[in-house]
PDB file of N, CA and C in Angstrom:
ATOM      1  N   MET A   1       6.368  19.499 -25.196  1.00  0.00           N
ATOM      2  CA  MET A   1       5.857  18.137 -25.192  1.00  0.00           C
ATOM      3  C   MET A   1       5.794  17.641 -26.626  1.00  0.00           C
ATOM      4  N   GLU A   2       6.197  16.408 -26.827  1.00  0.00           N
ATOM      5  CA  GLU A   2       6.133  15.791 -28.138  1.00  0.00           C
ATOM      6  C   GLU A   2       4.768  15.128 -28.323  1.00  0.00           C
ATOM      7  N   ILE A   3       4.307  15.094 -29.557  1.00  0.00           N
ATOM      8  CA  ILE A   3       2.976  14.552 -29.847  1.00  0.00           C
ATOM      9  C   ILE A   3       2.865  13.090 -29.420  1.00  0.00           C
ATOM     10  N   ASN A   4       3.859  12.271 -29.770  1.00  0.00           N
ATOM     11  CA  ASN A   4       3.764  10.846 -29.427  1.00  0.00           C
ATOM     12  C   ASN A   4       3.759  10.640 -27.910  1.00  0.00           C
ATOM     13  N   LYS A   5       4.534  11.432 -27.184  1.00  0.00           N
ATOM     14  CA  LYS A   5       4.538  11.311 -25.730  1.00  0.00           C
ATOM     15  C   LYS A   5       3.218  11.801 -25.138  1.00  0.00           C
ATOM     16  N   ALA A   6       2.652  12.836 -25.723  1.00  0.00           N
ATOM     17  CA  ALA A   6       1.358  13.338 -25.244  1.00  0.00           C
ATOM     18  C   ALA A   6       0.273  12.286 -25.435  1.00  0.00           C
ATOM     19  N   ILE A   7       0.306  11.610 -26.564  1.00  0.00           N
ATOM     20  CA  ILE A   7      -0.686  10.560 -26.836  1.00  0.00           C
ATOM     21  C   ILE A   7      -0.540   9.420 -25.827  1.00  0.00           C
ATOM     22  N   MET A   8       0.691   8.987 -25.612  1.00  0.00           N
ATOM     23  CA  MET A   8       0.928   7.900 -24.662  1.00  0.00           C
ATOM     24  C   MET A   8       0.551   8.306 -23.239  1.00  0.00           C
ATOM     25  N   THR A   9       0.889   9.519 -22.854  1.00  0.00           N
ATOM     26  CA  THR A   9       0.545   9.995 -21.518  1.00  0.00           C
ATOM     27  C   THR A   9      -0.963  10.060 -21.344  1.00  0.00           C
ATOM     28  N   PHE A  10      -1.648  10.572 -22.353  1.00  0.00           N
ATOM     29  CA  PHE A  10      -3.106  10.654 -22.276  1.00  0.00           C
ATOM     30  C   PHE A  10      -3.726   9.266 -22.170  1.00  0.00           C
ATOM     31  N   SER A  11      -3.265   8.355 -23.009  1.00  0.00           N
ATOM     32  CA  SER A  11      -3.785   6.990 -23.009  1.00  0.00           C
ATOM     33  C   SER A  11      -3.546   6.308 -21.663  1.00  0.00           C
ATOM     34  N   GLN A  12      -2.323   6.380 -21.170  1.00  0.00           N
ATOM     35  CA  GLN A  12      -1.999   5.751 -19.895  1.00  0.00           C
ATOM     36  C   GLN A  12      -2.770   6.392 -18.744  1.00  0.00           C
ATOM     37  N   SER A  13      -2.908   7.703 -18.777  1.00  0.00           N
ATOM     38  CA  SER A  13      -3.601   8.372 -17.672  1.00  0.00           C
ATOM     39  C   SER A  13      -5.058   7.915 -17.590  1.00  0.00           C
ATOM     40  N   GLU A  14      -5.678   7.690 -18.729  1.00  0.00           N
ATOM     41  CA  GLU A  14      -7.076   7.240 -18.729  1.00  0.00           C
ATOM     42  C   GLU A  14      -7.191   5.830 -18.142  1.00  0.00           C
ATOM     43  N   LYS A  15      -6.253   4.942 -18.499  1.00  0.00           N
ATOM     44  CA  LYS A  15      -6.274   3.592 -17.930  1.00  0.00           C
ATOM     45  C   LYS A  15      -6.030   3.627 -16.428  1.00  0.00           C
ATOM     46  N   ILE A  16      -5.075   4.421 -16.021  1.00  0.00           N
ATOM     47  CA  ILE A  16      -4.720   4.493 -14.598  1.00  0.00           C
ATOM     48  C   ILE A  16      -5.858   5.109 -13.802  1.00  0.00           C
ATOM     49  N   LYS A  17      -6.473   6.159 -14.339  1.00  0.00           N
ATOM     50  CA  LYS A  17      -7.611   6.779 -13.645  1.00  0.00           C
ATOM     51  C   LYS A  17      -8.732   5.769 -13.425  1.00  0.00           C
ATOM     52  N   ALA A  18      -9.067   5.033 -14.459  1.00  0.00           N
ATOM     53  CA  ALA A  18     -10.143   4.043 -14.340  1.00  0.00           C
ATOM     54  C   ALA A  18      -9.807   3.024 -13.266  1.00  0.00           C
ATOM     55  N   GLY A  19      -8.586   2.528 -13.274  1.00  0.00           N
ATOM     56  CA  GLY A  19      -8.169   1.546 -12.272  1.00  0.00           C
ATOM     57  C   GLY A  19      -8.233   2.099 -10.858  1.00  0.00           C
ATOM     58  N   LEU A  20      -7.776   3.331 -10.684  1.00  0.00           N
ATOM     59  CA  LEU A  20      -7.806   3.942  -9.349  1.00  0.00           C
ATOM     60  C   LEU A  20      -9.230   4.127  -8.845  1.00  0.00           C
ATOM     61  N   ILE A  21     -10.116   4.513  -9.735  1.00  0.00           N
ATOM     62  CA  ILE A  21     -11.535   4.677  -9.345  1.00  0.00           C
ATOM     63  C   ILE A  21     -12.121   3.324  -8.956  1.00  0.00           C
ATOM     64  N   TRP A  22     -11.836   2.289  -9.740  1.00  0.00           N
ATOM     65  CA  TRP A  22     -12.338   0.943  -9.419  1.00  0.00           C
ATOM     66  C   TRP A  22     -11.841   0.485  -8.055  1.00  0.00           C
ATOM     67  N   VAL A  23     -10.552   0.668  -7.807  1.00  0.00           N
ATOM     68  CA  VAL A  23      -9.984   0.212  -6.535  1.00  0.00           C
ATOM     69  C   VAL A  23     -10.587   0.985  -5.368  1.00  0.00           C
ATOM     70  N   THR A  24     -10.769   2.286  -5.538  1.00  0.00           N
ATOM     71  CA  THR A  24     -11.351   3.087  -4.461  1.00  0.00           C
ATOM     72  C   THR A  24     -12.753   2.597  -4.117  1.00  0.00           C
ATOM     73  N   HIS A  25     -13.549   2.329  -5.128  1.00  0.00           N
ATOM     74  CA  HIS A  25     -14.900   1.814  -4.872  1.00  0.00           C
ATOM     75  C   HIS A  25     -14.846   0.410  -4.270  1.00  0.00           C
ATOM     76  N   THR A  26     -13.914  -0.393  -4.721  1.00  0.00           N
ATOM     77  CA  THR A  26     -13.773  -1.748  -4.197  1.00  0.00           C
ATOM     78  C   THR A  26     -13.358  -1.725  -2.733  1.00  0.00           C
ATOM     79  N   LEU A  27     -12.536  -0.746  -2.349  1.00  0.00           N
ATOM     80  CA  LEU A  27     -12.160  -0.605  -0.938  1.00  0.00           C
ATOM     81  C   LEU A  27     -13.378  -0.320  -0.069  1.00  0.00           C
ATOM     82  N   ASP A  28     -14.304   0.467  -0.594  1.00  0.00           N
ATOM     83  CA  ASP A  28     -15.547   0.730   0.144  1.00  0.00           C
ATOM     84  C   ASP A  28     -16.336  -0.559   0.345  1.00  0.00           C
ATOM     85  N   ILE A  29     -16.388  -1.384  -0.695  1.00  0.00           N
ATOM     86  CA  ILE A  29     -17.093  -2.663  -0.604  1.00  0.00           C
ATOM     87  C   ILE A  29     -16.388  -3.587   0.377  1.00  0.00           C
ATOM     88  N   LEU A  30     -15.066  -3.566   0.366  1.00  0.00           N
ATOM     89  CA  LEU A  30     -14.277  -4.417   1.257  1.00  0.00           C
ATOM     90  C   LEU A  30     -14.671  -4.204   2.720  1.00  0.00           C
ATOM     91  N   GLN A  31     -14.934  -2.978   3.082  1.00  0.00           N
ATOM     92  CA  GLN A  31     -15.277  -2.670   4.478  1.00  0.00           C
ATOM     93  C   GLN A  31     -16.564  -3.361   4.927  1.00  0.00           C
ATOM     94  N   SER A  32     -17.459  -3.625   3.981  1.00  0.00           N
ATOM     95  CA  SER A  32     -18.735  -4.237   4.346  1.00  0.00           C
ATOM     96  C   SER A  32     -18.727  -5.765   4.284  1.00  0.00           C
ATOM     97  N   LEU A  33     -17.624  -6.348   3.837  1.00  0.00           N
ATOM     98  CA  LEU A  33     -17.542  -7.811   3.760  1.00  0.00           C
ATOM     99  C   LEU A  33     -17.388  -8.418   5.147  1.00  0.00           C
ATOM    100  N   PRO A  34     -17.909  -9.639   5.325  1.00  0.00           N
ATOM    101  CA  PRO A  34     -17.669 -10.346   6.585  1.00  0.00           C
ATOM    102  C   PRO A  34     -16.174 -10.600   6.764  1.00  0.00           C
ATOM    103  N   ASP A  35     -15.737 -10.696   7.998  1.00  0.00           N
ATOM    104  CA  ASP A  35     -14.312 -10.846   8.290  1.00  0.00           C
ATOM    105  C   ASP A  35     -13.667 -12.001   7.530  1.00  0.00           C
ATOM    106  N   GLY A  36     -14.372 -13.101   7.362  1.00  0.00           N
ATOM    107  CA  GLY A  36     -13.818 -14.258   6.674  1.00  0.00           C
ATOM    108  C   GLY A  36     -13.552 -14.015   5.196  1.00  0.00           C
ATOM    109  N   GLU A  37     -14.229 -13.051   4.609  1.00  0.00           N
ATOM    110  CA  GLU A  37     -14.075 -12.771   3.183  1.00  0.00           C
ATOM    111  C   GLU A  37     -13.153 -11.588   2.908  1.00  0.00           C
ATOM    112  N   LYS A  38     -12.820 -10.829   3.935  1.00  0.00           N
ATOM    113  CA  LYS A  38     -12.001  -9.634   3.736  1.00  0.00           C
ATOM    114  C   LYS A  38     -10.609  -9.959   3.212  1.00  0.00           C
ATOM    115  N   LYS A  39     -10.027 -11.045   3.675  1.00  0.00           N
ATOM    116  CA  LYS A  39      -8.667 -11.394   3.253  1.00  0.00           C
ATOM    117  C   LYS A  39      -8.610 -11.638   1.742  1.00  0.00           C
ATOM    118  N   GLY A  40      -9.606 -12.352   1.214  1.00  0.00           N
ATOM    119  CA  GLY A  40      -9.650 -12.599  -0.228  1.00  0.00           C
ATOM    120  C   GLY A  40      -9.861 -11.319  -1.016  1.00  0.00           C
ATOM    121  N   GLY A  41     -10.756 -10.469  -0.533  1.00  0.00           N
ATOM    122  CA  GLY A  41     -10.981  -9.179  -1.183  1.00  0.00           C
ATOM    123  C   GLY A  41      -9.737  -8.318  -1.163  1.00  0.00           C
ATOM    124  N   GLN A  42      -9.036  -8.373  -0.061  1.00  0.00           N
ATOM    125  CA  GLN A  42      -7.803  -7.609   0.089  1.00  0.00           C
ATOM    126  C   GLN A  42      -6.753  -8.073  -0.928  1.00  0.00           C
ATOM    127  N   LYS A  43      -6.643  -9.374  -1.134  1.00  0.00           N
ATOM    128  CA  LYS A  43      -5.672  -9.905  -2.095  1.00  0.00           C
ATOM    129  C   LYS A  43      -6.010  -9.475  -3.523  1.00  0.00           C
ATOM    130  N   ILE A  44      -7.281  -9.461  -3.838  1.00  0.00           N
ATOM    131  CA  ILE A  44      -7.702  -9.023  -5.176  1.00  0.00           C
ATOM    132  C   ILE A  44      -7.349  -7.553  -5.378  1.00  0.00           C
ATOM    133  N   ILE A  45      -7.640  -6.735  -4.381  1.00  0.00           N
ATOM    134  CA  ILE A  45      -7.338  -5.304  -4.472  1.00  0.00           C
ATOM    135  C   ILE A  45      -5.830  -5.085  -4.608  1.00  0.00           C
ATOM    136  N   GLN A  46      -5.045  -5.844  -3.856  1.00  0.00           N
ATOM    137  CA  GLN A  46      -3.590  -5.728  -3.963  1.00  0.00           C
ATOM    138  C   GLN A  46      -3.113  -6.073  -5.374  1.00  0.00           C
ATOM    139  N   ALA A  47      -3.685  -7.116  -5.956  1.00  0.00           N
ATOM    140  CA  ALA A  47      -3.294  -7.517  -7.309  1.00  0.00           C
ATOM    141  C   ALA A  47      -3.633  -6.423  -8.323  1.00  0.00           C
ATOM    142  N   ILE A  48      -4.815  -5.851  -8.202  1.00  0.00           N
ATOM    143  CA  ILE A  48      -5.221  -4.788  -9.121  1.00  0.00           C
ATOM    144  C   ILE A  48      -4.327  -3.562  -8.947  1.00  0.00           C
ATOM    145  N   LEU A  49      -4.033  -3.210  -7.707  1.00  0.00           N
ATOM    146  CA  LEU A  49      -3.155  -2.061  -7.467  1.00  0.00           C
ATOM    147  C   LEU A  49      -1.756  -2.304  -8.015  1.00  0.00           C
ATOM    148  N   ASN A  50      -1.273  -3.523  -7.915  1.00  0.00           N
ATOM    149  CA  ASN A  50       0.030  -3.844  -8.506  1.00  0.00           C
ATOM    150  C   ASN A  50      -0.002  -3.672 -10.020  1.00  0.00           C
ATOM    151  N   MET A  51      -1.106  -4.067 -10.656  1.00  0.00           N
ATOM    152  CA  MET A  51      -1.239  -3.871 -12.102  1.00  0.00           C
ATOM    153  C   MET A  51      -1.272  -2.392 -12.449  1.00  0.00           C
ATOM    154  N   ILE A  52      -1.977  -1.606 -11.644  1.00  0.00           N
ATOM    155  CA  ILE A  52      -2.016  -0.160 -11.875  1.00  0.00           C
ATOM    156  C   ILE A  52      -0.617   0.431 -11.705  1.00  0.00           C
ATOM    157  N   GLY A  53       0.105  -0.079 -10.730  1.00  0.00           N
ATOM    158  CA  GLY A  53       1.489   0.363 -10.543  1.00  0.00           C
ATOM    159  C   GLY A  53       2.342   0.088 -11.767  1.00  0.00           C
ATOM    160  N   HIS A  54       2.138  -1.060 -12.409  1.00  0.00           N
ATOM    161  CA  HIS A  54       2.883  -1.389 -13.629  1.00  0.00           C
ATOM    162  C   HIS A  54       2.509  -0.428 -14.765  1.00  0.00           C
ATOM    163  N   GLU A  55       1.222  -0.086 -14.848  1.00  0.00           N
ATOM    164  CA  GLU A  55       0.779   0.865 -15.867  1.00  0.00           C
ATOM    165  C   GLU A  55       1.386   2.248 -15.619  1.00  0.00           C
ATOM    166  N   THR A  56       1.522   2.609 -14.358  1.00  0.00           N
ATOM    167  CA  THR A  56       2.130   3.893 -14.006  1.00  0.00           C
ATOM    168  C   THR A  56       3.605   3.887 -14.378  1.00  0.00           C
ATOM    169  N   ASN A  57       4.260   2.781 -14.124  1.00  0.00           N
ATOM    170  CA  ASN A  57       5.664   2.647 -14.511  1.00  0.00           C
ATOM    171  C   ASN A  57       5.813   2.749 -16.023  1.00  0.00           C
ATOM    172  N   LEU A  58       4.908   2.129 -16.751  1.00  0.00           N
ATOM    173  CA  LEU A  58       4.920   2.223 -18.210  1.00  0.00           C
ATOM    174  C   LEU A  58       4.697   3.670 -18.658  1.00  0.00           C
ATOM    175  N   ALA A  59       3.768   4.366 -18.005  1.00  0.00           N
ATOM    176  CA  ALA A  59       3.505   5.768 -18.343  1.00  0.00           C
ATOM    177  C   ALA A  59       4.767   6.608 -18.168  1.00  0.00           C
ATOM    178  N   ARG A  60       5.488   6.332 -17.113  1.00  0.00           N
ATOM    179  CA  ARG A  60       6.736   7.065 -16.851  1.00  0.00           C
ATOM    180  C   ARG A  60       7.761   6.768 -17.942  1.00  0.00           C
ATOM    181  N   SER A  61       7.763   5.546 -18.443  1.00  0.00           N
ATOM    182  CA  SER A  61       8.747   5.141 -19.445  1.00  0.00           C
ATOM    183  C   SER A  61       8.444   5.666 -20.846  1.00  0.00           C
ATOM    184  N   VAL A  62       7.177   5.684 -21.237  1.00  0.00           N
ATOM    185  CA  VAL A  62       6.834   5.998 -22.632  1.00  0.00           C
ATOM    186  C   VAL A  62       6.270   7.393 -22.841  1.00  0.00           C
ATOM    187  N   GLY A  63       5.861   8.047 -21.778  1.00  0.00           N
ATOM    188  CA  GLY A  63       5.246   9.355 -21.944  1.00  0.00           C
ATOM    189  C   GLY A  63       6.055  10.438 -21.280  1.00  0.00           C
ATOM    190  N   GLU A  64       5.365  11.506 -20.963  1.00  0.00           N
ATOM    191  CA  GLU A  64       5.986  12.587 -20.202  1.00  0.00           C
ATOM    192  C   GLU A  64       6.160  12.072 -18.787  1.00  0.00           C
ATOM    193  N   ASN A  65       7.401  11.904 -18.341  1.00  0.00           N
ATOM    194  CA  ASN A  65       7.636  11.203 -17.088  1.00  0.00           C
ATOM    195  C   ASN A  65       7.630  12.099 -15.858  1.00  0.00           C
ATOM    196  N   GLY A  66       7.590  13.387 -16.002  1.00  0.00           N
ATOM    197  CA  GLY A  66       7.614  14.265 -14.844  1.00  0.00           C
ATOM    198  C   GLY A  66       6.419  14.047 -13.928  1.00  0.00           C
ATOM    199  N   GLY A  67       6.679  13.643 -12.714  1.00  0.00           N
ATOM    200  CA  GLY A  67       5.609  13.506 -11.736  1.00  0.00           C
ATOM    201  C   GLY A  67       5.043  12.120 -11.543  1.00  0.00           C
ATOM    202  N   TRP A  68       5.271  11.216 -12.480  1.00  0.00           N
ATOM    203  CA  TRP A  68       4.717   9.874 -12.321  1.00  0.00           C
ATOM    204  C   TRP A  68       5.310   9.172 -11.107  1.00  0.00           C
ATOM    205  N   VAL A  69       6.525   9.544 -10.735  1.00  0.00           N
ATOM    206  CA  VAL A  69       7.154   8.947  -9.553  1.00  0.00           C
ATOM    207  C   VAL A  69       6.317   9.257  -8.311  1.00  0.00           C
ATOM    208  N   GLU A  70       5.776  10.476  -8.239  1.00  0.00           N
ATOM    209  CA  GLU A  70       4.907  10.840  -7.114  1.00  0.00           C
ATOM    210  C   GLU A  70       3.627  10.017  -7.116  1.00  0.00           C
ATOM    211  N   THR A  71       3.087   9.773  -8.288  1.00  0.00           N
ATOM    212  CA  THR A  71       1.879   8.945  -8.397  1.00  0.00           C
ATOM    213  C   THR A  71       2.177   7.530  -7.928  1.00  0.00           C
ATOM    214  N   GLU A  72       3.315   7.001  -8.360  1.00  0.00           N
ATOM    215  CA  GLU A  72       3.711   5.656  -7.932  1.00  0.00           C
ATOM    216  C   GLU A  72       3.874   5.604  -6.411  1.00  0.00           C
ATOM    217  N   ALA A  73       4.414   6.660  -5.832  1.00  0.00           N
ATOM    218  CA  ALA A  73       4.592   6.702  -4.379  1.00  0.00           C
ATOM    219  C   ALA A  73       3.242   6.685  -3.661  1.00  0.00           C
ATOM    220  N   CYS A  74       2.264   7.385  -4.200  1.00  0.00           N
ATOM    221  CA  CYS A  74       0.920   7.371  -3.600  1.00  0.00           C
ATOM    222  C   CYS A  74       0.315   5.973  -3.660  1.00  0.00           C
ATOM    223  N   ILE A  75       0.493   5.305  -4.782  1.00  0.00           N
ATOM    224  CA  ILE A  75      -0.020   3.941  -4.936  1.00  0.00           C
ATOM    225  C   ILE A  75       0.706   3.003  -3.969  1.00  0.00           C
ATOM    226  N   ASP A  76       2.012   3.166  -3.844  1.00  0.00           N
ATOM    227  CA  ASP A  76       2.781   2.339  -2.907  1.00  0.00           C
ATOM    228  C   ASP A  76       2.314   2.545  -1.471  1.00  0.00           C
ATOM    229  N   ARG A  77       2.039   3.793  -1.090  1.00  0.00           N
ATOM    230  CA  ARG A  77       1.549   4.060   0.266  1.00  0.00           C
ATOM    231  C   ARG A  77       0.176   3.429   0.481  1.00  0.00           C
ATOM    232  N   ALA A  78      -0.664   3.464  -0.552  1.00  0.00           N
ATOM    233  CA  ALA A  78      -1.979   2.813  -0.449  1.00  0.00           C
ATOM    234  C   ALA A  78      -1.806   1.309  -0.250  1.00  0.00           C
ATOM    235  N   LEU A  79      -0.882   0.712  -0.976  1.00  0.00           N
ATOM    236  CA  LEU A  79      -0.615  -0.722  -0.816  1.00  0.00           C
ATOM    237  C   LEU A  79      -0.129  -1.039   0.598  1.00  0.00           C
ATOM    238  N   ILE A  80       0.706  -0.187   1.137  1.00  0.00           N
ATOM    239  CA  ILE A  80       1.185  -0.387   2.506  1.00  0.00           C
ATOM    240  C   ILE A  80       0.018  -0.358   3.481  1.00  0.00           C
ATOM    241  N   MET A  81      -0.892   0.576   3.297  1.00  0.00           N
ATOM    242  CA  MET A  81      -2.066   0.670   4.175  1.00  0.00           C
ATOM    243  C   MET A  81      -2.918  -0.595   4.072  1.00  0.00           C
ATOM    244  N   ILE A  82      -3.113  -1.068   2.860  1.00  0.00           N
ATOM    245  CA  ILE A  82      -3.918  -2.273   2.653  1.00  0.00           C
ATOM    246  C   ILE A  82      -3.220  -3.478   3.269  1.00  0.00           C
ATOM    247  N   ASN A  83      -1.920  -3.600   3.038  1.00  0.00           N
ATOM    248  CA  ASN A  83      -1.152  -4.713   3.601  1.00  0.00           C
ATOM    249  C   ASN A  83      -1.139  -4.682   5.127  1.00  0.00           C
ATOM    250  N   SER A  84      -1.238  -3.499   5.694  1.00  0.00           N
ATOM    251  CA  SER A  84      -1.219  -3.336   7.151  1.00  0.00           C
ATOM    252  C   SER A  84      -2.591  -3.559   7.788  1.00  0.00           C
ATOM    253  N   GLY A  85      -3.586  -3.797   6.946  1.00  0.00           N
ATOM    254  CA  GLY A  85      -4.926  -4.048   7.474  1.00  0.00           C
ATOM    255  C   GLY A  85      -5.724  -2.790   7.763  1.00  0.00           C
ATOM    256  N   ILE A  86      -5.228  -1.647   7.312  1.00  0.00           N
ATOM    257  CA  ILE A  86      -5.975  -0.394   7.510  1.00  0.00           C
ATOM    258  C   ILE A  86      -6.327   0.183   6.140  1.00  0.00           C
ATOM    259  N   SER A  87      -7.064  -0.625   5.380  1.00  0.00           N
ATOM    260  CA  SER A  87      -7.380  -0.260   4.001  1.00  0.00           C
ATOM    261  C   SER A  87      -8.197   1.019   3.892  1.00  0.00           C
ATOM    262  N   GLU A  88      -8.933   1.361   4.948  1.00  0.00           N
ATOM    263  CA  GLU A  88      -9.712   2.607   4.892  1.00  0.00           C
ATOM    264  C   GLU A  88      -8.804   3.833   4.787  1.00  0.00           C
ATOM    265  N   GLU A  89      -7.558   3.699   5.217  1.00  0.00           N
ATOM    266  CA  GLU A  89      -6.595   4.805   5.119  1.00  0.00           C
ATOM    267  C   GLU A  89      -6.023   4.919   3.699  1.00  0.00           C
ATOM    268  N   ALA A  90      -6.153   3.874   2.911  1.00  0.00           N
ATOM    269  CA  ALA A  90      -5.590   3.864   1.553  1.00  0.00           C
ATOM    270  C   ALA A  90      -6.328   4.811   0.620  1.00  0.00           C
ATOM    271  N   THR A  91      -7.579   5.069   0.920  1.00  0.00           N
ATOM    272  CA  THR A  91      -8.405   5.897   0.042  1.00  0.00           C
ATOM    273  C   THR A  91      -7.801   7.279  -0.176  1.00  0.00           C
ATOM    274  N   ALA A  92      -7.262   7.878   0.862  1.00  0.00           N
ATOM    275  CA  ALA A  92      -6.667   9.213   0.724  1.00  0.00           C
ATOM    276  C   ALA A  92      -5.483   9.186  -0.237  1.00  0.00           C
ATOM    277  N   HIS A  93      -4.655   8.163  -0.145  1.00  0.00           N
ATOM    278  CA  HIS A  93      -3.496   8.056  -1.026  1.00  0.00           C
ATOM    279  C   HIS A  93      -3.929   7.793  -2.470  1.00  0.00           C
ATOM    280  N   LEU A  94      -4.970   6.994  -2.633  1.00  0.00           N
ATOM    281  CA  LEU A  94      -5.486   6.748  -3.979  1.00  0.00           C
ATOM    282  C   LEU A  94      -6.087   8.018  -4.558  1.00  0.00           C
ATOM    283  N   GLY A  95      -6.711   8.830  -3.723  1.00  0.00           N
ATOM    284  CA  GLY A  95      -7.251  10.109  -4.177  1.00  0.00           C
ATOM    285  C   GLY A  95      -6.152  11.034  -4.674  1.00  0.00           C
ATOM    286  N   MET A  96      -5.035  11.055  -3.970  1.00  0.00           N
ATOM    287  CA  MET A  96      -3.897  11.874  -4.421  1.00  0.00           C
ATOM    288  C   MET A  96      -3.354  11.354  -5.752  1.00  0.00           C
ATOM    289  N   ALA A  97      -3.249  10.037  -5.875  1.00  0.00           N
ATOM    290  CA  ALA A  97      -2.769   9.450  -7.127  1.00  0.00           C
ATOM    291  C   ALA A  97      -3.731   9.776  -8.270  1.00  0.00           C
ATOM    292  N   LEU A  98      -5.018   9.728  -7.996  1.00  0.00           N
ATOM    293  CA  LEU A  98      -6.025  10.050  -9.004  1.00  0.00           C
ATOM    294  C   LEU A  98      -5.918  11.507  -9.437  1.00  0.00           C
ATOM    295  N   SER A  99      -5.724  12.387  -8.487  1.00  0.00           N
ATOM    296  CA  SER A  99      -5.592  13.808  -8.807  1.00  0.00           C
ATOM    297  C   SER A  99      -4.375  14.068  -9.693  1.00  0.00           C
ATOM    298  N   LYS A 100      -3.249  13.472  -9.341  1.00  0.00           N
ATOM    299  CA  LYS A 100      -2.031  13.644 -10.134  1.00  0.00           C
ATOM    300  C   LYS A 100      -2.211  13.068 -11.537  1.00  0.00           C
ATOM    301  N   THR A 101      -2.832  11.910 -11.621  1.00  0.00           N
ATOM    302  CA  THR A 101      -3.059  11.263 -12.914  1.00  0.00           C
ATOM    303  C   THR A 101      -3.989  12.095 -13.783  1.00  0.00           C
ATOM    304  N   THR A 102      -5.022  12.641 -13.172  1.00  0.00           N
ATOM    305  CA  THR A 102      -5.959  13.498 -13.905  1.00  0.00           C
ATOM    306  C   THR A 102      -5.239  14.722 -14.463  1.00  0.00           C
ATOM    307  N   ASN A 103      -4.334  15.290 -13.678  1.00  0.00           N
ATOM    308  CA  ASN A 103      -3.568  16.452 -14.147  1.00  0.00           C
ATOM    309  C   ASN A 103      -2.704  16.106 -15.361  1.00  0.00           C
ATOM    310  N   PHE A 104      -2.054  14.930 -15.340  1.00  0.00           N
ATOM    311  CA  PHE A 104      -1.246  14.512 -16.485  1.00  0.00           C
ATOM    312  C   PHE A 104      -2.118  14.374 -17.730  1.00  0.00           C
ATOM    313  N   GLY A 105      -3.248  13.730 -17.563  1.00  0.00           N
ATOM    314  CA  GLY A 105      -4.160  13.532 -18.690  1.00  0.00           C
ATOM    315  C   GLY A 105      -4.684  14.847 -19.227  1.00  0.00           C
ATOM    316  N   GLN A 106      -5.013  15.769 -18.338  1.00  0.00           N
ATOM    317  CA  GLN A 106      -5.534  17.069 -18.751  1.00  0.00           C
ATOM    318  C   GLN A 106      -4.493  17.862 -19.540  1.00  0.00           C
ATOM    319  N   ARG A 107      -3.262  17.862 -19.042  1.00  0.00           N
ATOM    320  CA  ARG A 107      -2.194  18.578 -19.763  1.00  0.00           C
ATOM    321  C   ARG A 107      -1.973  17.982 -21.146  1.00  0.00           C
ATOM    322  N   SER A 108      -1.957  16.670 -21.216  1.00  0.00           N
ATOM    323  CA  SER A 108      -1.751  16.007 -22.506  1.00  0.00           C
ATOM    324  C   SER A 108      -2.914  16.277 -23.445  1.00  0.00           C
ATOM    325  N   MET A 109      -4.130  16.203 -22.928  1.00  0.00           N
ATOM    326  CA  MET A 109      -5.308  16.447 -23.756  1.00  0.00           C
ATOM    327  C   MET A 109      -5.309  17.882 -24.272  1.00  0.00           C
ATOM    328  N   SER A 110      -4.956  18.836 -23.425  1.00  0.00           N
ATOM    329  CA  SER A 110      -4.907  20.232 -23.856  1.00  0.00           C
ATOM    330  C   SER A 110      -3.882  20.421 -24.969  1.00  0.00           C
ATOM    331  N   PHE A 111      -2.719  19.799 -24.812  1.00  0.00           N
ATOM    332  CA  PHE A 111      -1.685  19.877 -25.836  1.00  0.00           C
ATOM    333  C   PHE A 111      -2.184  19.294 -27.149  1.00  0.00           C
ATOM    334  N   LEU A 112      -2.814  18.130 -27.082  1.00  0.00           N
ATOM    335  CA  LEU A 112      -3.301  17.472 -28.293  1.00  0.00           C
ATOM    336  C   LEU A 112      -4.423  18.278 -28.945  1.00  0.00           C
ATOM    337  N   LYS A 113      -5.235  18.944 -28.153  1.00  0.00           N
ATOM    338  CA  LYS A 113      -6.292  19.804 -28.713  1.00  0.00           C
ATOM    339  C   LYS A 113      -5.669  20.999 -29.425  1.00  0.00           C
ATOM    340  N   GLU A 114      -4.630  21.585 -28.824  1.00  0.00           N
ATOM    341  CA  GLU A 114      -3.936  22.712 -29.451  1.00  0.00           C
ATOM    342  C   GLU A 114      -3.375  22.323 -30.812  1.00  0.00           C
ATOM    343  N   LYS A 115      -2.941  21.076 -30.923  1.00  0.00           N
ATOM    344  CA  LYS A 115      -2.352  20.571 -32.176  1.00  0.00           C
ATOM    345  C   LYS A 115      -3.431  20.096 -33.157  1.00  0.00           C
ATOM    346  N   GLY A 116      -4.693  20.167 -32.729  1.00  0.00           N
ATOM    347  CA  GLY A 116      -5.797  19.746 -33.601  1.00  0.00           C
ATOM    348  C   GLY A 116      -5.943  18.253 -33.726  1.00  0.00           C
ATOM    349  N   LEU A 117      -5.410  17.526 -32.757  1.00  0.00           N
ATOM    350  CA  LEU A 117      -5.466  16.066 -32.825  1.00  0.00           C
ATOM    351  C   LEU A 117      -6.605  15.464 -32.004  1.00  0.00           C
ATOM    352  N   LEU A 118      -7.251  16.275 -31.212  1.00  0.00           N
ATOM    353  CA  LEU A 118      -8.422  15.828 -30.445  1.00  0.00           C
ATOM    354  C   LEU A 118      -9.555  16.789 -30.658  1.00  0.00           C
TER     355      LEU A 118
END
């Protein structure tokens, strides 16, 4: 692993993790909204997930790209669940994406610690 790629991977993984956690919690809130407000909440969640998807694509481009495609696939499956009106099913896919993202960040952080940069 190269130092610059490790830094970018670590940075991107932290942003993506935060976004995934926010969306997961927001999905829980969505379930408690009245039916008339769910559509608006759903659109907001879709927009945020699309932004997270762009960050994941950027992570694949600028950092260590191995595995980010799987993370993107998990996010895409979550979006499909939300678009299909079964947003409660999206949580599992977001959890998988979070786990993969955490692993990327951990590997990068360990590498940077070995190099004395963290």
